[in-house]
Amino acid sequence: QVQFVESGGGLVQPGGSLRLSCEASGSIFSFYAMGWYRQALGKQREL
């Protein structure tokens, strides 16, 4: 099973920038579409 490891988050002021990274295990990564999702507190995960 593919595992995902996300990194790069943090605390930033409004107007700032961050770069997130996600490394996937396994050899099938290049064949598939990938997505970033987010989930705010008390809300559903969104694409």
All heavy atoms as atom14 arrays in JSON, in Angstrom:
{
  "sequence": "QVQFVESGGGLVQPGGSLRLSCEASGSIFSFYAMGWYRQALGKQREL",
  "atom14_mask": [
    [1, 1, 1, 1, 1, 1, 1, 1, 1, 0, 0, 0, 0, 0],
    [1, 1, 1, 1, 1, 1, 1, 0, 0, 0, 0, 0, 0, 0],
    [1, 1, 1, 1, 1, 1, 1, 1, 1, 0, 0, 0, 0, 0],
    [1, 1, 1, 1, 1, 1, 1, 1, 1, 1, 1, 0, 0, 0],
    [1, 1, 1, 1, 1, 1, 1, 0, 0, 0, 0, 0, 0, 0],
    [1, 1, 1, 1, 1, 1, 1, 1, 1, 0, 0, 0, 0, 0],
    [1, 1, 1, 1, 1, 1, 0, 0, 0, 0, 0, 0, 0, 0],
    [1, 1, 1, 1, 0, 0, 0, 0, 0, 0, 0, 0, 0, 0],
    [1, 1, 1, 1, 0, 0, 0, 0, 0, 0, 0, 0, 0, 0],
    [1, 1, 1, 1, 0, 0, 0, 0, 0, 0, 0, 0, 0, 0],
    [1, 1, 1, 1, 1, 1, 1, 1, 0, 0, 0, 0, 0, 0],
    [1, 1, 1, 1, 1, 1, 1, 0, 0, 0, 0, 0, 0, 0],
    [1, 1, 1, 1, 1, 1, 1, 1, 1, 0, 0, 0, 0, 0],
    [1, 1, 1, 1, 1, 1, 1, 0, 0, 0, 0, 0, 0, 0],
    [1, 1, 1, 1, 0, 0, 0, 0, 0, 0, 0, 0, 0, 0],
    [1, 1, 1, 1, 0, 0, 0, 0, 0, 0, 0, 0, 0, 0],
    [1, 1, 1, 1, 1, 1, 0, 0, 0, 0, 0, 0, 0, 0],
    [1, 1, 1, 1, 1, 1, 1, 1, 0, 0, 0, 0, 0, 0],
    [1, 1, 1, 1, 1, 1, 1, 1, 1, 1, 1, 0, 0, 0],
    [1, 1, 1, 1, 1, 1, 1, 1, 0, 0, 0, 0, 0, 0],
    [1, 1, 1, 1, 1, 1, 0, 0, 0, 0, 0, 0, 0, 0],
    [1, 1, 1, 1, 1, 1, 0, 0, 0, 0, 0, 0, 0, 0],
    [1, 1, 1, 1, 1, 1, 1, 1, 1, 0, 0, 0, 0, 0],
    [1, 1, 1, 1, 1, 0, 0, 0, 0, 0, 0, 0, 0, 0],
    [1, 1, 1, 1, 1, 1, 0, 0, 0, 0, 0, 0, 0, 0],
    [1, 1, 1, 1, 0, 0, 0, 0, 0, 0, 0, 0, 0, 0],
    [1, 1, 1, 1, 1, 1, 0, 0, 0, 0, 0, 0, 0, 0],
    [1, 1, 1, 1, 1, 1, 1, 1, 0, 0, 0, 0, 0, 0],
    [1, 1, 1, 1, 1, 1, 1, 1, 1, 1, 1, 0, 0, 0],
    [1, 1, 1, 1, 1, 1, 0, 0, 0, 0, 0, 0, 0, 0],
    [1, 1, 1, 1, 1, 1, 1, 1, 1, 1, 1, 0, 0, 0],
    [1, 1, 1, 1, 1, 1, 1, 1, 1, 1, 1, 1, 0, 0],
    [1, 1, 1, 1, 1, 0, 0, 0, 0, 0, 0, 0, 0, 0],
    [1, 1, 1, 1, 1, 1, 1, 1, 0, 0, 0, 0, 0, 0],
    [1, 1, 1, 1, 0, 0, 0, 0, 0, 0, 0, 0, 0, 0],
    [1, 1, 1, 1, 1, 1, 1, 1, 1, 1, 1, 1, 1, 1],
    [1, 1, 1, 1, 1, 1, 1, 1, 1, 1, 1, 1, 0, 0],
    [1, 1, 1, 1, 1, 1, 1, 1, 1, 1, 1, 0, 0, 0],
    [1, 1, 1, 1, 1, 1, 1, 1, 1, 0, 0, 0, 0, 0],
    [1, 1, 1, 1, 1, 0, 0, 0, 0, 0, 0, 0, 0, 0],
    [1, 1, 1, 1, 1, 1, 1, 1, 0, 0, 0, 0, 0, 0],
    [1, 1, 1, 1, 0, 0, 0, 0, 0, 0, 0, 0, 0, 0],
    [1, 1, 1, 1, 1, 1, 1, 1, 1, 0, 0, 0, 0, 0],
    [1, 1, 1, 1, 1, 1, 1, 1, 1, 0, 0, 0, 0, 0],
    [1, 1, 1, 1, 1, 1, 1, 1, 1, 1, 1, 0, 0, 0],
    [1, 1, 1, 1, 1, 1, 1, 1, 1, 0, 0, 0, 0, 0],
    [1, 1, 1, 1, 1, 1, 1, 1, 0, 0, 0, 0, 0, 0]
  ],
  "atom14_positions": [
    [[0.84, -1.19, 0.0], [0.0, 0.0, 0.0], [0.88, 1.24, 0.0], [1.86, 1.32, 0.73], [-0.89, 0.0, 1.23], [-1.85, 1.19, 1.3], [-2.82, 1.07, 2.45], [-3.06, -0.02, 2.97], [-3.4, 2.17, 2.87], [0.0, 0.0, 0.0], [0.0, 0.0, 0.0], [0.0, 0.0, 0.0], [0.0, 0.0, 0.0], [0.0, 0.0, 0.0]],
    [[0.49, 2.21, -0.82], [1.26, 3.45, -0.91], [1.07, 4.25, 0.37], [-0.04, 4.36, 0.9], [0.82, 4.27, -2.13], [1.54, 5.61, -2.17], [1.07, 3.49, -3.41], [0.0, 0.0, 0.0], [0.0, 0.0, 0.0], [0.0, 0.0, 0.0], [0.0, 0.0, 0.0], [0.0, 0.0, 0.0], [0.0, 0.0, 0.0], [0.0, 0.0, 0.0]],
    [[2.16, 4.84, 0.85], [2.09, 5.72, 2.0], [2.52, 7.12, 1.58], [3.39, 7.28, 0.71], [2.99, 5.21, 3.13], [2.51, 3.89, 3.72], [3.35, 3.43, 4.88], [4.56, 3.63, 4.9], [2.72, 2.81, 5.86], [0.0, 0.0, 0.0], [0.0, 0.0, 0.0], [0.0, 0.0, 0.0], [0.0, 0.0, 0.0], [0.0, 0.0, 0.0]],
    [[1.91, 8.12, 2.21], [2.2, 9.52, 1.9], [2.78, 10.21, 3.13], [2.26, 10.04, 4.23], [0.92, 10.24, 1.46], [0.22, 9.59, 0.31], [-0.92, 8.83, 0.5], [0.71, 9.73, -0.98], [-1.56, 8.22, -0.56], [0.08, 9.12, -2.05], [-1.06, 8.37, -1.84], [0.0, 0.0, 0.0], [0.0, 0.0, 0.0], [0.0, 0.0, 0.0]],
    [[3.83, 11.0, 2.91], [4.44, 11.77, 3.99], [4.48, 13.23, 3.58], [5.24, 13.62, 2.67], [5.86, 11.27, 4.31], [6.47, 12.1, 5.43], [5.84, 9.79, 4.69], [0.0, 0.0, 0.0], [0.0, 0.0, 0.0], [0.0, 0.0, 0.0], [0.0, 0.0, 0.0], [0.0, 0.0, 0.0], [0.0, 0.0, 0.0], [0.0, 0.0, 0.0]],
    [[3.64, 14.03, 4.25], [3.54, 15.45, 3.96], [4.47, 16.25, 4.88], [4.66, 15.88, 6.05], [2.1, 15.94, 4.15], [1.09, 15.25, 3.27], [0.43, 14.03, 3.91], [0.93, 13.56, 4.95], [-0.58, 13.54, 3.37], [0.0, 0.0, 0.0], [0.0, 0.0, 0.0], [0.0, 0.0, 0.0], [0.0, 0.0, 0.0], [0.0, 0.0, 0.0]],
    [[4.98, 17.37, 4.38], [5.84, 18.24, 5.17], [5.78, 19.66, 4.63], [5.25, 19.89, 3.53], [7.28, 17.73, 5.15], [7.79, 17.74, 3.83], [0.0, 0.0, 0.0], [0.0, 0.0, 0.0], [0.0, 0.0, 0.0], [0.0, 0.0, 0.0], [0.0, 0.0, 0.0], [0.0, 0.0, 0.0], [0.0, 0.0, 0.0], [0.0, 0.0, 0.0]],
    [[6.31, 20.59, 5.4], [6.42, 21.96, 4.93], [5.45, 22.95, 5.53], [5.51, 24.15, 5.25], [0.0, 0.0, 0.0], [0.0, 0.0, 0.0], [0.0, 0.0, 0.0], [0.0, 0.0, 0.0], [0.0, 0.0, 0.0], [0.0, 0.0, 0.0], [0.0, 0.0, 0.0], [0.0, 0.0, 0.0], [0.0, 0.0, 0.0], [0.0, 0.0, 0.0]],
    [[4.52, 22.46, 6.36], [3.56, 23.36, 6.97], [4.19, 24.22, 8.06], [5.38, 24.09, 8.37], [0.0, 0.0, 0.0], [0.0, 0.0, 0.0], [0.0, 0.0, 0.0], [0.0, 0.0, 0.0], [0.0, 0.0, 0.0], [0.0, 0.0, 0.0], [0.0, 0.0, 0.0], [0.0, 0.0, 0.0], [0.0, 0.0, 0.0], [0.0, 0.0, 0.0]],
    [[3.38, 25.12, 8.61], [3.88, 25.97, 9.67], [2.94, 27.13, 9.91], [1.82, 27.17, 9.4], [0.0, 0.0, 0.0], [0.0, 0.0, 0.0], [0.0, 0.0, 0.0], [0.0, 0.0, 0.0], [0.0, 0.0, 0.0], [0.0, 0.0, 0.0], [0.0, 0.0, 0.0], [0.0, 0.0, 0.0], [0.0, 0.0, 0.0], [0.0, 0.0, 0.0]],
    [[3.42, 28.08, 10.71], [2.67, 29.28, 11.03], [3.19, 30.41, 10.15], [4.4, 30.66, 10.09], [2.86, 29.65, 12.5], [2.29, 30.98, 12.97], [0.77, 30.99, 12.84], [2.7, 31.24, 14.42], [0.0, 0.0, 0.0], [0.0, 0.0, 0.0], [0.0, 0.0, 0.0], [0.0, 0.0, 0.0], [0.0, 0.0, 0.0], [0.0, 0.0, 0.0]],
    [[2.29, 31.09, 9.48], [2.67, 32.17, 8.57], [1.65, 33.3, 8.69], [0.48, 33.06, 8.98], [2.77, 31.65, 7.11], [1.43, 31.14, 6.62], [3.36, 32.68, 6.18], [0.0, 0.0, 0.0], [0.0, 0.0, 0.0], [0.0, 0.0, 0.0], [0.0, 0.0, 0.0], [0.0, 0.0, 0.0], [0.0, 0.0, 0.0], [0.0, 0.0, 0.0]],
    [[2.12, 34.52, 8.47], [1.22, 35.67, 8.53], [0.4, 35.77, 7.25], [0.82, 35.28, 6.19], [2.03, 36.95, 8.73], [2.7, 37.05, 10.09], [3.36, 38.4, 10.3], [3.64, 39.13, 9.34], [3.61, 38.74, 11.55], [0.0, 0.0, 0.0], [0.0, 0.0, 0.0], [0.0, 0.0, 0.0], [0.0, 0.0, 0.0], [0.0, 0.0, 0.0]],
    [[-0.76, 36.39, 7.31], [-1.54, 36.62, 6.09], [-0.69, 37.3, 5.02], [0.07, 38.23, 5.33], [-2.67, 37.51, 6.57], [-2.85, 37.15, 8.01], [-1.46, 36.88, 8.51], [0.0, 0.0, 0.0], [0.0, 0.0, 0.0], [0.0, 0.0, 0.0], [0.0, 0.0, 0.0], [0.0, 0.0, 0.0], [0.0, 0.0, 0.0], [0.0, 0.0, 0.0]],
    [[-0.83, 36.82, 3.8], [-0.02, 37.33, 2.7], [1.27, 36.59, 2.48], [1.96, 36.8, 1.47], [0.0, 0.0, 0.0], [0.0, 0.0, 0.0], [0.0, 0.0, 0.0], [0.0, 0.0, 0.0], [0.0, 0.0, 0.0], [0.0, 0.0, 0.0], [0.0, 0.0, 0.0], [0.0, 0.0, 0.0], [0.0, 0.0, 0.0], [0.0, 0.0, 0.0]],
    [[1.62, 35.72, 3.4], [2.87, 34.96, 3.3], [2.76, 33.76, 2.39], [1.72, 33.52, 1.76], [0.0, 0.0, 0.0], [0.0, 0.0, 0.0], [0.0, 0.0, 0.0], [0.0, 0.0, 0.0], [0.0, 0.0, 0.0], [0.0, 0.0, 0.0], [0.0, 0.0, 0.0], [0.0, 0.0, 0.0], [0.0, 0.0, 0.0], [0.0, 0.0, 0.0]],
    [[3.86, 33.01, 2.34], [3.94, 31.85, 1.45], [4.51, 30.65, 2.18], [5.26, 30.78, 3.15], [4.87, 32.16, 0.25], [4.37, 33.22, -0.53], [0.0, 0.0, 0.0], [0.0, 0.0, 0.0], [0.0, 0.0, 0.0], [0.0, 0.0, 0.0], [0.0, 0.0, 0.0], [0.0, 0.0, 0.0], [0.0, 0.0, 0.0], [0.0, 0.0, 0.0]],
    [[4.11, 29.48, 1.71], [4.66, 28.21, 2.18], [4.72, 27.27, 0.99], [3.92, 27.38, 0.05], [3.78, 27.58, 3.26], [3.83, 28.16, 4.67], [2.75, 27.49, 5.53], [5.19, 27.97, 5.31], [0.0, 0.0, 0.0], [0.0, 0.0, 0.0], [0.0, 0.0, 0.0], [0.0, 0.0, 0.0], [0.0, 0.0, 0.0], [0.0, 0.0, 0.0]],
    [[5.66, 26.31, 1.07], [5.74, 25.27, 0.05], [5.63, 23.92, 0.74], [6.47, 23.56, 1.56], [7.06, 25.35, -0.71], [7.09, 24.4, -1.92], [8.48, 24.27, -2.48], [8.49, 23.64, -3.79], [9.52, 22.93, -4.26], [10.6, 22.79, -3.53], [9.47, 22.4, -5.47], [0.0, 0.0, 0.0], [0.0, 0.0, 0.0], [0.0, 0.0, 0.0]],
    [[4.57, 23.2, 0.39], [4.35, 21.87, 0.94], [4.93, 20.81, 0.01], [4.93, 20.99, -1.21], [2.86, 21.61, 1.14], [2.08, 22.66, 1.93], [0.63, 22.18, 2.11], [2.72, 22.93, 3.27], [0.0, 0.0, 0.0], [0.0, 0.0, 0.0], [0.0, 0.0, 0.0], [0.0, 0.0, 0.0], [0.0, 0.0, 0.0], [0.0, 0.0, 0.0]],
    [[5.39, 19.72, 0.63], [5.89, 18.58, -0.13], [5.18, 17.32, 0.35], [4.82, 17.22, 1.51], [7.4, 18.42, 0.07], [8.11, 19.54, -0.37], [0.0, 0.0, 0.0], [0.0, 0.0, 0.0], [0.0, 0.0, 0.0], [0.0, 0.0, 0.0], [0.0, 0.0, 0.0], [0.0, 0.0, 0.0], [0.0, 0.0, 0.0], [0.0, 0.0, 0.0]],
    [[5.02, 16.39, -0.56], [4.44, 15.1, -0.21], [5.18, 14.02, -0.98], [5.16, 14.01, -2.21], [2.97, 15.06, -0.54], [2.24, 13.41, -0.36], [0.0, 0.0, 0.0], [0.0, 0.0, 0.0], [0.0, 0.0, 0.0], [0.0, 0.0, 0.0], [0.0, 0.0, 0.0], [0.0, 0.0, 0.0], [0.0, 0.0, 0.0], [0.0, 0.0, 0.0]],
    [[5.83, 13.14, -0.23], [6.55, 12.04, -0.86], [5.72, 10.77, -0.71], [5.22, 10.45, 0.37], [7.92, 11.84, -0.22], [8.75, 10.76, -0.9], [10.16, 10.68, -0.39], [10.55, 11.53, 0.45], [10.91, 9.78, -0.83], [0.0, 0.0, 0.0], [0.0, 0.0, 0.0], [0.0, 0.0, 0.0], [0.0, 0.0, 0.0], [0.0, 0.0, 0.0]],
    [[5.58, 10.05, -1.82], [4.81, 8.8, -1.84], [5.75, 7.62, -1.96], [6.74, 7.68, -2.7], [3.84, 8.81, -3.01], [0.0, 0.0, 0.0], [0.0, 0.0, 0.0], [0.0, 0.0, 0.0], [0.0, 0.0, 0.0], [0.0, 0.0, 0.0], [0.0, 0.0, 0.0], [0.0, 0.0, 0.0], [0.0, 0.0, 0.0], [0.0, 0.0, 0.0]],
    [[5.44, 6.56, -1.24], [6.24, 5.34, -1.35], [5.78, 4.54, -2.55], [4.71, 4.79, -3.11], [6.09, 4.51, -0.08], [4.75, 4.07, 0.05], [0.0, 0.0, 0.0], [0.0, 0.0, 0.0], [0.0, 0.0, 0.0], [0.0, 0.0, 0.0], [0.0, 0.0, 0.0], [0.0, 0.0, 0.0], [0.0, 0.0, 0.0], [0.0, 0.0, 0.0]],
    [[6.57, 3.57, -2.97], [6.17, 2.69, -4.06], [6.56, 3.2, -5.42], [7.09, 4.31, -5.57], [0.0, 0.0, 0.0], [0.0, 0.0, 0.0], [0.0, 0.0, 0.0], [0.0, 0.0, 0.0], [0.0, 0.0, 0.0], [0.0, 0.0, 0.0], [0.0, 0.0, 0.0], [0.0, 0.0, 0.0], [0.0, 0.0, 0.0], [0.0, 0.0, 0.0]],
    [[6.27, 2.4, -6.43], [6.74, 2.7, -7.78], [5.62, 3.1, -8.74], [5.86, 3.25, -9.93], [7.46, 1.48, -8.35], [6.57, 0.36, -8.38], [0.0, 0.0, 0.0], [0.0, 0.0, 0.0], [0.0, 0.0, 0.0], [0.0, 0.0, 0.0], [0.0, 0.0, 0.0], [0.0, 0.0, 0.0], [0.0, 0.0, 0.0], [0.0, 0.0, 0.0]],
    [[4.41, 3.3, -8.21], [3.29, 3.56, -9.11], [2.95, 5.04, -9.21], [2.07, 5.44, -9.95], [2.02, 2.8, -8.65], [1.56, 3.33, -7.28], [2.28, 1.31, -8.63], [0.23, 2.76, -6.85], [0.0, 0.0, 0.0], [0.0, 0.0, 0.0], [0.0, 0.0, 0.0], [0.0, 0.0, 0.0], [0.0, 0.0, 0.0], [0.0, 0.0, 0.0]],
    [[3.67, 5.86, -8.46], [3.35, 7.29, -8.34], [3.16, 7.96, -9.69], [2.2, 8.68, -9.91], [4.45, 7.98, -7.54], [4.32, 9.47, -7.45], [3.54, 10.05, -6.47], [4.99, 10.3, -8.33], [3.41, 11.42, -6.37], [4.87, 11.68, -8.25], [4.08, 12.24, -7.27], [0.0, 0.0, 0.0], [0.0, 0.0, 0.0], [0.0, 0.0, 0.0]],
    [[4.09, 7.73, -10.59], [4.1, 8.48, -11.85], [2.91, 8.16, -12.75], [2.63, 8.91, -13.69], [5.4, 8.22, -12.6], [5.5, 6.85, -12.95], [0.0, 0.0, 0.0], [0.0, 0.0, 0.0], [0.0, 0.0, 0.0], [0.0, 0.0, 0.0], [0.0, 0.0, 0.0], [0.0, 0.0, 0.0], [0.0, 0.0, 0.0], [0.0, 0.0, 0.0]],
    [[2.2, 7.09, -12.48], [1.11, 6.68, -13.37], [-0.23, 7.32, -13.01], [-1.19, 7.23, -13.78], [0.95, 5.16, -13.34], [2.15, 4.42, -13.84], [3.03, 3.82, -12.96], [2.41, 4.32, -15.19], [4.14, 3.13, -13.41], [3.52, 3.64, -15.66], [4.39, 3.05, -14.77], [0.0, 0.0, 0.0], [0.0, 0.0, 0.0], [0.0, 0.0, 0.0]],
    [[-0.31, 7.96, -11.85], [-1.6, 8.39, -11.34], [-1.69, 9.89, -11.11], [-0.7, 10.55, -10.81], [-1.89, 7.67, -10.02], [-2.13, 6.19, -10.2], [-1.09, 5.28, -10.09], [-3.41, 5.71, -10.48], [-1.31, 3.94, -10.27], [-3.63, 4.36, -10.67], [-2.58, 3.49, -10.56], [-2.8, 2.14, -10.75], [0.0, 0.0, 0.0], [0.0, 0.0, 0.0]],
    [[-2.91, 10.38, -11.22], [-3.18, 11.76, -10.84], [-3.05, 11.89, -9.33], [-3.42, 10.98, -8.58], [-4.57, 12.18, -11.29], [0.0, 0.0, 0.0], [0.0, 0.0, 0.0], [0.0, 0.0, 0.0], [0.0, 0.0, 0.0], [0.0, 0.0, 0.0], [0.0, 0.0, 0.0], [0.0, 0.0, 0.0], [0.0, 0.0, 0.0], [0.0, 0.0, 0.0]],
    [[-2.54, 13.03, -8.9], [-2.36, 13.31, -7.49], [-3.14, 14.55, -7.1], [-3.39, 15.43, -7.93], [-0.88, 13.52, -7.18], [-0.01, 12.32, -7.41], [-0.43, 10.95, -6.33], [-0.15, 11.68, -4.71], [0.0, 0.0, 0.0], [0.0, 0.0, 0.0], [0.0, 0.0, 0.0], [0.0, 0.0, 0.0], [0.0, 0.0, 0.0], [0.0, 0.0, 0.0]],
    [[-3.48, 14.63, -5.83], [-4.21, 15.78, -5.35], [-3.72, 16.24, -3.99], [-3.18, 15.45, -3.22], [0.0, 0.0, 0.0], [0.0, 0.0, 0.0], [0.0, 0.0, 0.0], [0.0, 0.0, 0.0], [0.0, 0.0, 0.0], [0.0, 0.0, 0.0], [0.0, 0.0, 0.0], [0.0, 0.0, 0.0], [0.0, 0.0, 0.0], [0.0, 0.0, 0.0]],
    [[-3.88, 17.52, -3.74], [-3.73, 18.08, -2.4], [-5.12, 18.35, -1.84], [-5.98, 18.9, -2.55], [-2.92, 19.37, -2.43], [-1.44, 19.17, -2.47], [-0.63, 19.23, -3.57], [-0.59, 18.87, -1.35], [0.68, 18.97, -3.2], [0.73, 18.76, -1.85], [-0.8, 18.69, 0.02], [1.82, 18.48, -1.02], [0.28, 18.41, 0.82], [1.57, 18.31, 0.31]],
    [[-5.31, 17.98, -0.61], [-6.58, 18.13, 0.08], [-6.3, 18.87, 1.39], [-5.18, 18.88, 1.89], [-7.18, 16.75, 0.4], [-7.34, 15.86, -0.82], [-6.26, 15.16, -1.34], [-8.58, 15.73, -1.45], [-6.4, 14.35, -2.46], [-8.73, 14.91, -2.56], [-7.63, 14.24, -3.06], [-7.78, 13.44, -4.17], [0.0, 0.0, 0.0], [0.0, 0.0, 0.0]],
    [[-7.36, 19.45, 1.95], [-7.19, 20.09, 3.24], [-8.45, 19.9, 4.08], [-9.55, 19.76, 3.54], [-6.86, 21.58, 3.1], [-7.97, 22.43, 2.53], [-7.47, 23.86, 2.31], [-8.52, 24.73, 1.78], [-8.33, 25.98, 1.39], [-7.09, 26.53, 1.48], [-9.31, 26.7, 0.93], [0.0, 0.0, 0.0], [0.0, 0.0, 0.0], [0.0, 0.0, 0.0]],
    [[-8.23, 19.93, 5.38], [-9.35, 19.8, 6.31], [-9.18, 20.8, 7.43], [-8.23, 20.71, 8.22], [-9.43, 18.38, 6.87], [-10.67, 18.13, 7.71], [-10.88, 16.67, 8.02], [-9.98, 15.85, 7.96], [-12.11, 16.32, 8.36], [0.0, 0.0, 0.0], [0.0, 0.0, 0.0], [0.0, 0.0, 0.0], [0.0, 0.0, 0.0], [0.0, 0.0, 0.0]],
    [[-10.07, 21.75, 7.46], [-10.09, 22.73, 8.54], [-10.84, 22.15, 9.74], [-11.67, 21.25, 9.6], [-10.75, 24.02, 8.07], [0.0, 0.0, 0.0], [0.0, 0.0, 0.0], [0.0, 0.0, 0.0], [0.0, 0.0, 0.0], [0.0, 0.0, 0.0], [0.0, 0.0, 0.0], [0.0, 0.0, 0.0], [0.0, 0.0, 0.0], [0.0, 0.0, 0.0]],
    [[-10.56, 22.7, 10.9], [-11.17, 22.21, 12.13], [-12.68, 22.28, 12.03], [-13.25, 23.33, 11.7], [-10.66, 23.04, 13.3], [-10.9, 22.46, 14.7], [-10.16, 21.13, 14.84], [-10.45, 23.44, 15.76], [0.0, 0.0, 0.0], [0.0, 0.0, 0.0], [0.0, 0.0, 0.0], [0.0, 0.0, 0.0], [0.0, 0.0, 0.0], [0.0, 0.0, 0.0]],
    [[-13.34, 21.15, 12.24], [-14.79, 21.11, 12.23], [-15.42, 21.05, 10.85], [-16.64, 21.11, 10.73], [0.0, 0.0, 0.0], [0.0, 0.0, 0.0], [0.0, 0.0, 0.0], [0.0, 0.0, 0.0], [0.0, 0.0, 0.0], [0.0, 0.0, 0.0], [0.0, 0.0, 0.0], [0.0, 0.0, 0.0], [0.0, 0.0, 0.0], [0.0, 0.0, 0.0]],
    [[-14.6, 20.93, 9.82], [-15.12, 20.89, 8.46], [-14.69, 19.6, 7.76], [-13.78, 18.91, 8.2], [-14.62, 22.1, 7.67], [-15.13, 23.43, 8.2], [-14.75, 24.58, 7.27], [-15.31, 25.89, 7.77], [-14.96, 27.01, 6.85], [0.0, 0.0, 0.0], [0.0, 0.0, 0.0], [0.0, 0.0, 0.0], [0.0, 0.0, 0.0], [0.0, 0.0, 0.0]],
    [[-15.35, 19.32, 6.65], [-15.0, 18.14, 5.87], [-13.74, 18.4, 5.05], [-13.42, 19.55, 4.71], [-16.17, 17.77, 4.93], [-17.37, 17.19, 5.65], [-18.39, 16.61, 4.67], [-18.46, 17.02, 3.52], [-19.15, 15.64, 5.14], [0.0, 0.0, 0.0], [0.0, 0.0, 0.0], [0.0, 0.0, 0.0], [0.0, 0.0, 0.0], [0.0, 0.0, 0.0]],
    [[-13.04, 17.33, 4.74], [-11.87, 17.43, 3.89], [-12.3, 17.87, 2.49], [-13.32, 17.4, 1.98], [-11.16, 16.08, 3.82], [-9.8, 16.14, 3.19], [-8.88, 14.99, 3.51], [-9.43, 13.89, 4.24], [-8.72, 13.19, 5.14], [-7.48, 13.53, 5.4], [-9.27, 12.17, 5.76], [0.0, 0.0, 0.0], [0.0, 0.0, 0.0], [0.0, 0.0, 0.0]],
    [[-11.54, 18.78, 1.9], [-11.88, 19.28, 0.57], [-10.67, 19.2, -0.34], [-9.53, 19.25, 0.09], [-12.36, 20.74, 0.64], [-11.32, 21.73, 1.15], [-11.8, 23.18, 1.08], [-12.85, 23.45, 0.49], [-11.09, 24.04, 1.62], [0.0, 0.0, 0.0], [0.0, 0.0, 0.0], [0.0, 0.0, 0.0], [0.0, 0.0, 0.0], [0.0, 0.0, 0.0]],
    [[-10.97, 19.09, -1.63], [-9.93, 19.02, -2.65], [-9.43, 20.44, -2.96], [-10.24, 21.34, -3.2], [-10.48, 18.35, -3.9], [-9.54, 18.2, -5.1], [-8.36, 17.32, -4.75], [-10.31, 17.63, -6.28], [0.0, 0.0, 0.0], [0.0, 0.0, 0.0], [0.0, 0.0, 0.0], [0.0, 0.0, 0.0], [0.0, 0.0, 0.0], [0.0, 0.0, 0.0]]
  ]
}
